[in-house]
C-alpha atoms as a PDB file:
ATOM      1  CA  MET A   1      50.962  70.967  71.203  1.00  0.00           C
ATOM      2  CA  HIS A   2      47.632  70.777  72.992  1.00  0.00           C
ATOM      3  CA  VAL A   3      46.191  68.842  75.840  1.00  0.00           C
ATOM      4  CA  TYR A   4      44.039  65.881  74.968  1.00  0.00           C
ATOM      5  CA  PRO A   5      42.689  64.695  78.047  1.00  0.00           C
ATOM      6  CA  LEU A   6      39.771  62.789  76.762  1.00  0.00           C
ATOM      7  CA  PRO A   7      41.623  60.012  74.691  1.00  0.00           C
ATOM      8  CA  ARG A   8      43.981  59.650  77.741  1.00  0.00           C
ATOM      9  CA  LEU A   9      40.885  58.756  79.777  1.00  0.00           C
ATOM     10  CA  LEU A  10      39.439  56.377  77.112  1.00  0.00           C
ATOM     11  CA  VAL A  11      42.888  54.564  77.098  1.00  0.00           C
ATOM     12  CA  ALA A  12      42.779  54.266  80.859  1.00  0.00           C
ATOM     13  CA  ALA A  13      39.288  52.939  80.814  1.00  0.00           C
ATOM     14  CA  ALA A  14      40.232  50.429  78.327  1.00  0.00           C
ATOM     15  CA  LEU A  15      43.015  48.985  80.603  1.00  0.00           C
ATOM     16  CA  GLY A  16      40.077  47.414  82.684  1.00  0.00           C
ATOM     17  CA  SER A  17      41.353  45.540  85.556  1.00  0.00           C
ATOM     18  CA  THR A  18      44.929  46.250  85.021  1.00  0.00           C
ATOM     19  CA  LEU A  19      44.287  49.967  85.639  1.00  0.00           C
ATOM     20  CA  ALA A  20      42.329  49.002  88.790  1.00  0.00           C
ATOM     21  CA  LEU A  21      45.484  47.346  90.381  1.00  0.00           C
ATOM     22  CA  LEU A  22      47.489  50.912  89.979  1.00  0.00           C
ATOM     23  CA  PRO A  23      47.479  53.237  92.934  1.00  0.00           C
ATOM     24  CA  LEU A  24      45.148  56.108  92.536  1.00  0.00           C
ATOM     25  CA  THR A  25      47.793  58.695  93.667  1.00  0.00           C
ATOM     26  CA  ALA A  26      50.200  57.414  90.763  1.00  0.00           C
ATOM     27  CA  ILE A  27      47.283  57.796  88.216  1.00  0.00           C
ATOM     28  CA  ALA A  28      46.695  61.345  89.378  1.00  0.00           C
ATOM     29  CA  TYR A  29      50.484  62.476  89.368  1.00  0.00           C
ATOM     30  CA  GLU A  30      50.986  61.022  85.928  1.00  0.00           C
ATOM     31  CA  SER A  31      47.980  62.680  84.455  1.00  0.00           C
ATOM     32  CA  GLU A  32      48.687  66.065  86.180  1.00  0.00           C
ATOM     33  CA  LEU A  33      52.327  65.930  84.965  1.00  0.00           C
ATOM     34  CA  PHE A  34      51.279  64.952  81.421  1.00  0.00           C
ATOM     35  CA  SER A  35      48.904  68.171  81.474  1.00  0.00           C
ATOM     36  CA  LEU A  36      51.709  70.252  82.657  1.00  0.00           C
ATOM     37  CA  LYS A  37      54.170  69.067  79.897  1.00  0.00           C
ATOM     38  CA  ASN A  38      51.592  69.691  77.146  1.00  0.00           C
ATOM     39  CA  ARG A  39      50.458  73.138  78.462  1.00  0.00           C
ATOM     40  CA  TRP A  40      54.072  74.264  78.917  1.00  0.00           C
ATOM     41  CA  GLU A  41      55.088  72.946  75.375  1.00  0.00           C
ATOM     42  CA  HIS A  42      52.080  75.019  74.002  1.00  0.00           C
ATOM     43  CA  THR A  43      52.998  78.099  76.027  1.00  0.00           C
ATOM     44  CA  VAL A  44      56.599  78.327  75.012  1.00  0.00           C
ATOM     45  CA  SER A  45      56.003  77.300  71.331  1.00  0.00           C
ATOM     46  CA  ASP A  46      52.801  78.751  70.360  1.00  0.00           C
ATOM     47  CA  LEU A  47      51.749  81.835  72.735  1.00  0.00           C
ATOM     48  CA  PRO A  48      52.737  85.369  71.943  1.00  0.00           C
ATOM     49  CA  ALA A  49      55.374  86.946  74.058  1.00  0.00           C
ATOM     50  CA  ASN A  50      52.916  89.322  75.747  1.00  0.00           C
ATOM     51  CA  GLN A  51      51.054  86.091  76.992  1.00  0.00           C
ATOM     52  CA  ARG A  52      53.827  83.781  78.205  1.00  0.00           C
ATOM     53  CA  GLU A  53      54.647  85.249  81.517  1.00  0.00           C
ATOM     54  CA  SER A  54      51.267  85.144  82.987  1.00  0.00           C
ATOM     55  CA  THR A  55      50.694  81.514  81.725  1.00  0.00           C
ATOM     56  CA  LEU A  56      54.082  80.322  82.891  1.00  0.00           C
ATOM     57  CA  LYS A  57      53.515  81.785  86.297  1.00  0.00           C
ATOM     58  CA  THR A  58      50.188  79.879  86.537  1.00  0.00           C
ATOM     59  CA  LEU A  59      52.054  76.649  85.653  1.00  0.00           C
ATOM     60  CA  ALA A  60      54.727  77.299  87.937  1.00  0.00           C
ATOM     61  CA  SER A  61      52.268  77.392  90.808  1.00  0.00           C
ATOM     62  CA  GLU A  62      50.601  74.264  89.663  1.00  0.00           C
ATOM     63  CA  ALA A  63      54.037  72.558  89.214  1.00  0.00           C
ATOM     64  CA  THR A  64      55.057  73.567  92.649  1.00  0.00           C
ATOM     65  CA  ALA A  65      51.902  72.255  94.191  1.00  0.00           C
ATOM     66  CA  LEU A  66      52.415  68.961  92.344  1.00  0.00           C
ATOM     67  CA  ALA A  67      55.895  68.638  93.519  1.00  0.00           C
ATOM     68  CA  GLN A  68      55.086  69.229  97.070  1.00  0.00           C
ATOM     69  CA  GLU A  69      52.725  66.341  96.906  1.00  0.00           C
ATOM     70  CA  ASN A  70      55.342  64.147  95.141  1.00  0.00           C
ATOM     71  CA  ALA A  71      58.581  65.173  96.614  1.00  0.00           C
ATOM     72  CA  ASP A  72      60.285  61.800  95.757  1.00  0.00           C
ATOM     73  CA  GLN A  73      59.369  61.689  92.144  1.00  0.00           C
ATOM     74  CA  ALA A  74      62.345  63.048  90.051  1.00  0.00           C
ATOM     75  CA  ASP A  75      60.431  63.425  86.986  1.00  0.00           C
ATOM     76  CA  VAL A  76      58.023  65.742  88.782  1.00  0.00           C
ATOM     77  CA  LEU A  77      60.777  67.797  90.310  1.00  0.00           C
ATOM     78  CA  ALA A  78      62.602  68.192  87.072  1.00  0.00           C
ATOM     79  CA  TRP A  79      59.258  69.483  85.441  1.00  0.00           C
ATOM     80  CA  GLN A  80      58.968  71.921  88.152  1.00  0.00           C
ATOM     81  CA  GLY A  81      62.500  73.165  87.621  1.00  0.00           C
ATOM     82  CA  ILE A  82      61.959  73.364  83.989  1.00  0.00           C
ATOM     83  CA  ILE A  83      58.793  75.570  84.371  1.00  0.00           C
ATOM     84  CA  LEU A  84      60.276  77.588  86.873  1.00  0.00           C
ATOM     85  CA  ALA A  85      63.222  78.218  84.726  1.00  0.00           C
ATOM     86  CA  SER A  86      60.926  79.270  81.768  1.00  0.00           C
ATOM     87  CA  TYR A  87      59.033  81.560  84.129  1.00  0.00           C
ATOM     88  CA  ALA A  88      62.173  83.300  85.293  1.00  0.00           C
ATOM     89  CA  ARG A  89      63.497  83.853  81.650  1.00  0.00           C
ATOM     90  CA  GLU A  90      60.029  85.605  80.626  1.00  0.00           C
ATOM     91  CA  ARG A  91      59.794  87.562  83.901  1.00  0.00           C
ATOM     92  CA  GLY A  92      63.416  89.006  83.492  1.00  0.00           C
ATOM     93  CA  GLY A  93      65.164  91.557  85.827  1.00  0.00           C
ATOM     94  CA  PHE A  94      66.085  91.192  89.348  1.00  0.00           C
ATOM     95  CA  GLY A  95      62.537  89.650  90.243  1.00  0.00           C
ATOM     96  CA  ALA A  96      63.404  86.692  88.320  1.00  0.00           C
ATOM     97  CA  LEU A  97      66.537  85.816  90.402  1.00  0.00           C
ATOM     98  CA  SER A  98      64.696  84.269  93.282  1.00  0.00           C
ATOM     99  CA  VAL A  99      62.593  82.211  90.893  1.00  0.00           C
ATOM    100  CA  ALA A 100      65.875  81.200  89.083  1.00  0.00           C
ATOM    101  CA  GLY A 101      67.312  80.063  92.345  1.00  0.00           C
ATOM    102  CA  ASP A 102      64.177  77.994  93.078  1.00  0.00           C
ATOM    103  CA  ALA A 103      64.450  76.300  89.793  1.00  0.00           C
ATOM    104  CA  ARG A 104      68.118  75.409  90.461  1.00  0.00           C
ATOM    105  CA  ASP A 105      67.589  73.901  93.812  1.00  0.00           C
ATOM    106  CA  VAL A 106      64.666  71.775  92.481  1.00  0.00           C
ATOM    107  CA  LEU A 107      66.533  70.500  89.462  1.00  0.00           C
ATOM    108  CA  GLU A 108      69.507  69.631  91.887  1.00  0.00           C
ATOM    109  CA  ARG A 109      67.155  67.646  93.938  1.00  0.00           C
ATOM    110  CA  ALA A 110      65.819  65.897  90.800  1.00  0.00           C
ATOM    111  CA  ILE A 111      69.196  64.911  89.930  1.00  0.00           C
ATOM    112  CA  ALA A 112      69.874  63.622  93.361  1.00  0.00           C
ATOM    113  CA  LEU A 113      67.003  61.264  92.805  1.00  0.00           C
ATOM    114  CA  ASP A 114      67.842  60.506  89.372  1.00  0.00           C
ATOM    115  CA  PRO A 115      71.528  60.888  88.072  1.00  0.00           C
ATOM    116  CA  GLN A 116      70.249  60.719  84.495  1.00  0.00           C
ATOM    117  CA  GLY A 117      68.456  64.083  84.956  1.00  0.00           C
ATOM    118  CA  ALA A 118      65.226  63.360  83.375  1.00  0.00           C
ATOM    119  CA  ASN A 119      67.079  62.000  80.316  1.00  0.00           C
ATOM    120  CA  GLY A 120      69.435  65.095  80.424  1.00  0.00           C
ATOM    121  CA  SER A 121      66.615  67.786  80.577  1.00  0.00           C
ATOM    122  CA  ALA A 122      67.516  68.836  84.161  1.00  0.00           C
ATOM    123  CA  TYR A 123      71.222  69.337  83.157  1.00  0.00           C
ATOM    124  CA  VAL A 124      70.463  71.190  80.016  1.00  0.00           C
ATOM    125  CA  THR A 125      68.154  73.546  82.106  1.00  0.00           C
ATOM    126  CA  LEU A 126      70.603  73.912  84.795  1.00  0.00           C
ATOM    127  CA  GLY A 127      73.251  74.801  82.056  1.00  0.00           C
ATOM    128  CA  ALA A 128      71.012  77.491  80.753  1.00  0.00           C
ATOM    129  CA  LEU A 129      70.289  78.878  84.380  1.00  0.00           C
ATOM    130  CA  TYR A 130      74.147  79.010  85.323  1.00  0.00           C
ATOM    131  CA  ASP A 131      74.862  80.702  81.957  1.00  0.00           C
ATOM    132  CA  ASN A 132      72.098  83.437  81.934  1.00  0.00           C
ATOM    133  CA  VAL A 133      71.950  84.655  85.619  1.00  0.00           C
ATOM    134  CA  PRO A 134      74.488  87.151  86.911  1.00  0.00           C
ATOM    135  CA  GLY A 135      77.597  85.724  88.734  1.00  0.00           C
ATOM    136  CA  ARG A 136      78.367  86.302  92.494  1.00  0.00           C
ATOM    137  CA  PRO A 137      77.737  88.393  94.482  1.00  0.00           C
ATOM    138  CA  ILE A 138      74.334  89.114  92.631  1.00  0.00           C
ATOM    139  CA  SER A 139      73.361  85.689  91.842  1.00  0.00           C
ATOM    140  CA  PHE A 140      74.855  82.052  91.137  1.00  0.00           C
ATOM    141  CA  GLY A 141      75.851  82.525  87.596  1.00  0.00           C
ATOM    142  CA  SER A 142      79.131  80.406  86.506  1.00  0.00           C
ATOM    143  CA  SER A 143      80.331  79.742  82.923  1.00  0.00           C
ATOM    144  CA  GLU A 144      82.353  76.945  84.565  1.00  0.00           C
ATOM    145  CA  LYS A 145      79.173  75.276  85.998  1.00  0.00           C
ATOM    146  CA  ALA A 146      77.281  75.963  83.038  1.00  0.00           C
ATOM    147  CA  GLY A 147      79.748  74.185  80.796  1.00  0.00           C
ATOM    148  CA  GLN A 148      79.785  71.066  83.221  1.00  0.00           C
ATOM    149  CA  MET A 149      75.975  70.857  83.162  1.00  0.00           C
ATOM    150  CA  PHE A 150      75.989  71.139  79.401  1.00  0.00           C
ATOM    151  CA  GLN A 151      78.450  68.478  79.003  1.00  0.00           C
ATOM    152  CA  ARG A 152      76.652  66.027  81.327  1.00  0.00           C
ATOM    153  CA  ALA A 153      73.567  66.761  79.316  1.00  0.00           C
ATOM    154  CA  VAL A 154      75.279  65.625  76.149  1.00  0.00           C
ATOM    155  CA  GLU A 155      76.582  62.645  77.693  1.00  0.00           C
ATOM    156  CA  VAL A 156      73.171  61.534  78.807  1.00  0.00           C
ATOM    157  CA  ARG A 157      71.464  62.156  75.451  1.00  0.00           C
ATOM    158  CA  PRO A 158      74.138  62.634  72.831  1.00  0.00           C
ATOM    159  CA  ASP A 159      71.699  62.801  69.911  1.00  0.00           C
ATOM    160  CA  GLY A 160      69.438  65.305  71.406  1.00  0.00           C
ATOM    161  CA  ILE A 161      68.448  68.351  69.649  1.00  0.00           C
ATOM    162  CA  ASP A 162      68.030  70.694  72.589  1.00  0.00           C
ATOM    163  CA  VAL A 163      71.164  69.656  74.448  1.00  0.00           C
ATOM    164  CA  ASN A 164      73.238  70.131  71.419  1.00  0.00           C
ATOM    165  CA  TYR A 165      71.853  73.360  70.459  1.00  0.00           C
ATOM    166  CA  TYR A 166      72.224  74.964  73.944  1.00  0.00           C
ATOM    167  CA  TYR A 167      75.633  73.592  74.301  1.00  0.00           C
ATOM    168  CA  ALA A 168      76.489  75.092  70.828  1.00  0.00           C
ATOM    169  CA  ALA A 169      75.006  78.450  71.843  1.00  0.00           C
ATOM    170  CA  PHE A 170      77.023  78.428  75.035  1.00  0.00           C
ATOM    171  CA  LEU A 171      80.236  77.417  73.128  1.00  0.00           C
ATOM    172  CA  LEU A 172      79.800  80.071  70.686  1.00  0.00           C
ATOM    173  CA  ASP A 173      79.326  82.670  73.355  1.00  0.00           C
ATOM    174  CA  GLU A 174      82.461  81.557  74.901  1.00  0.00           C
ATOM    175  CA  GLY A 175      84.335  82.011  71.657  1.00  0.00           C
ATOM    176  CA  ASN A 176      84.882  78.191  71.060  1.00  0.00           C
ATOM    177  CA  THR A 177      83.567  78.404  67.401  1.00  0.00           C
ATOM    178  CA  GLU A 178      84.793  74.925  66.258  1.00  0.00           C
ATOM    179  CA  ALA A 179      83.157  73.125  69.040  1.00  0.00           C
ATOM    180  CA  ALA A 180      80.059  75.297  68.624  1.00  0.00           C
ATOM    181  CA  ARG A 181      79.887  74.309  64.995  1.00  0.00           C
ATOM    182  CA  GLU A 182      80.233  70.488  66.082  1.00  0.00           C
ATOM    183  CA  HIS A 183      77.304  70.665  68.467  1.00  0.00           C
ATOM    184  CA  ALA A 184      75.031  72.707  66.199  1.00  0.00           C
ATOM    185  CA  GLU A 185      75.520  70.198  63.481  1.00  0.00           C
ATOM    186  CA  ARG A 186      74.556  67.374  65.931  1.00  0.00           C
ATOM    187  CA  ALA A 187      71.491  69.367  66.879  1.00  0.00           C
ATOM    188  CA  VAL A 188      70.576  69.724  63.098  1.00  0.00           C
ATOM    189  CA  ASN A 189      70.805  65.962  62.758  1.00  0.00           C
ATOM    190  CA  GLY A 190      69.400  65.145  66.187  1.00  0.00           C
ATOM    191  CA  ILE A 191      66.281  63.305  67.302  1.00  0.00           C
ATOM    192  CA  PRO A 192      63.354  65.142  68.836  1.00  0.00           C
ATOM    193  CA  ARG A 193      61.827  63.873  71.910  1.00  0.00           C
ATOM    194  CA  GLU A 194      58.367  62.406  72.167  1.00  0.00           C
ATOM    195  CA  GLN A 195      55.883  65.140  73.077  1.00  0.00           C
ATOM    196  CA  ARG A 196      58.587  67.756  72.597  1.00  0.00           C
ATOM    197  CA  GLU A 197      58.382  67.717  68.870  1.00  0.00           C
ATOM    198  CA  LEU A 198      57.455  71.389  68.222  1.00  0.00           C
ATOM    199  CA  SER A 199      60.072  72.907  70.515  1.00  0.00           C
ATOM    200  CA  ASP A 200      62.758  70.606  69.251  1.00  0.00           C
ATOM    201  CA  GLU A 201      61.901  71.332  65.657  1.00  0.00           C
ATOM    202  CA  ALA A 202      62.121  75.110  66.460  1.00  0.00           C
ATOM    203  CA  LEU A 203      65.595  74.585  67.968  1.00  0.00           C
ATOM    204  CA  ARG A 204      66.612  72.360  64.954  1.00  0.00           C
ATOM    205  CA  ARG A 205      65.849  75.539  62.921  1.00  0.00           C
ATOM    206  CA  GLU A 206      67.892  77.761  65.343  1.00  0.00           C
ATOM    207  CA  ALA A 207      70.684  75.516  64.944  1.00  0.00           C
ATOM    208  CA  GLN A 208      70.726  75.542  61.184  1.00  0.00           C
ATOM    209  CA  ALA A 209      70.744  79.248  61.382  1.00  0.00           C
ATOM    210  CA  MET A 210      73.653  79.290  63.646  1.00  0.00           C
ATOM    211  CA  LEU A 211      75.534  77.030  61.156  1.00  0.00           C
ATOM    212  CA  SER A 212      74.741  79.418  58.365  1.00  0.00           C
ATOM    213  CA  ARG A 213      76.363  82.142  60.314  1.00  0.00           C
ATOM    214  CA  LEU A 214      79.379  80.173  61.383  1.00  0.00           C
END
């Protein structure tokens, strides 16, 4: 998915006097967040592996700056956490652990502001972080916490492709084949998110491949 700033500006101009009543800071924040979401989607869905780390590093810096200016906006914090988590995954190694810790902290602040966790996305990202980083004393990894986060994500958005796929992958790693099959089926039959169609359809295919192996 690509960024389309010109149509967005044209739509804003068409709103006329209604747009003039909105605070300029809110308009800037929404526009910047829209851009970050779309560039993240393009990065993780379309870019070759050798370009993703550097691009995500740049996006992480931008997301952090935006969050500093909008520290009370749960959706901004959630997306900062998602982007940081993606950057940590691409970076890998011990150097990624501090980035993963920053992602966890930001996502927890987002959830404190919004118990729905950006429609479940903050919870599923936290689940992946707890599942993939090493446990103590090296880092904060915890299968128990990962399971709790994935369960919460599914509660918030039970028909989500992403929440069910990642929960299914976690359950499979934990040896719970029956539950993994259930959530993989729910992922295959799930509903893609608006503006996240590319990544969700890729996860739907991954869920289908998982089912064929079970």
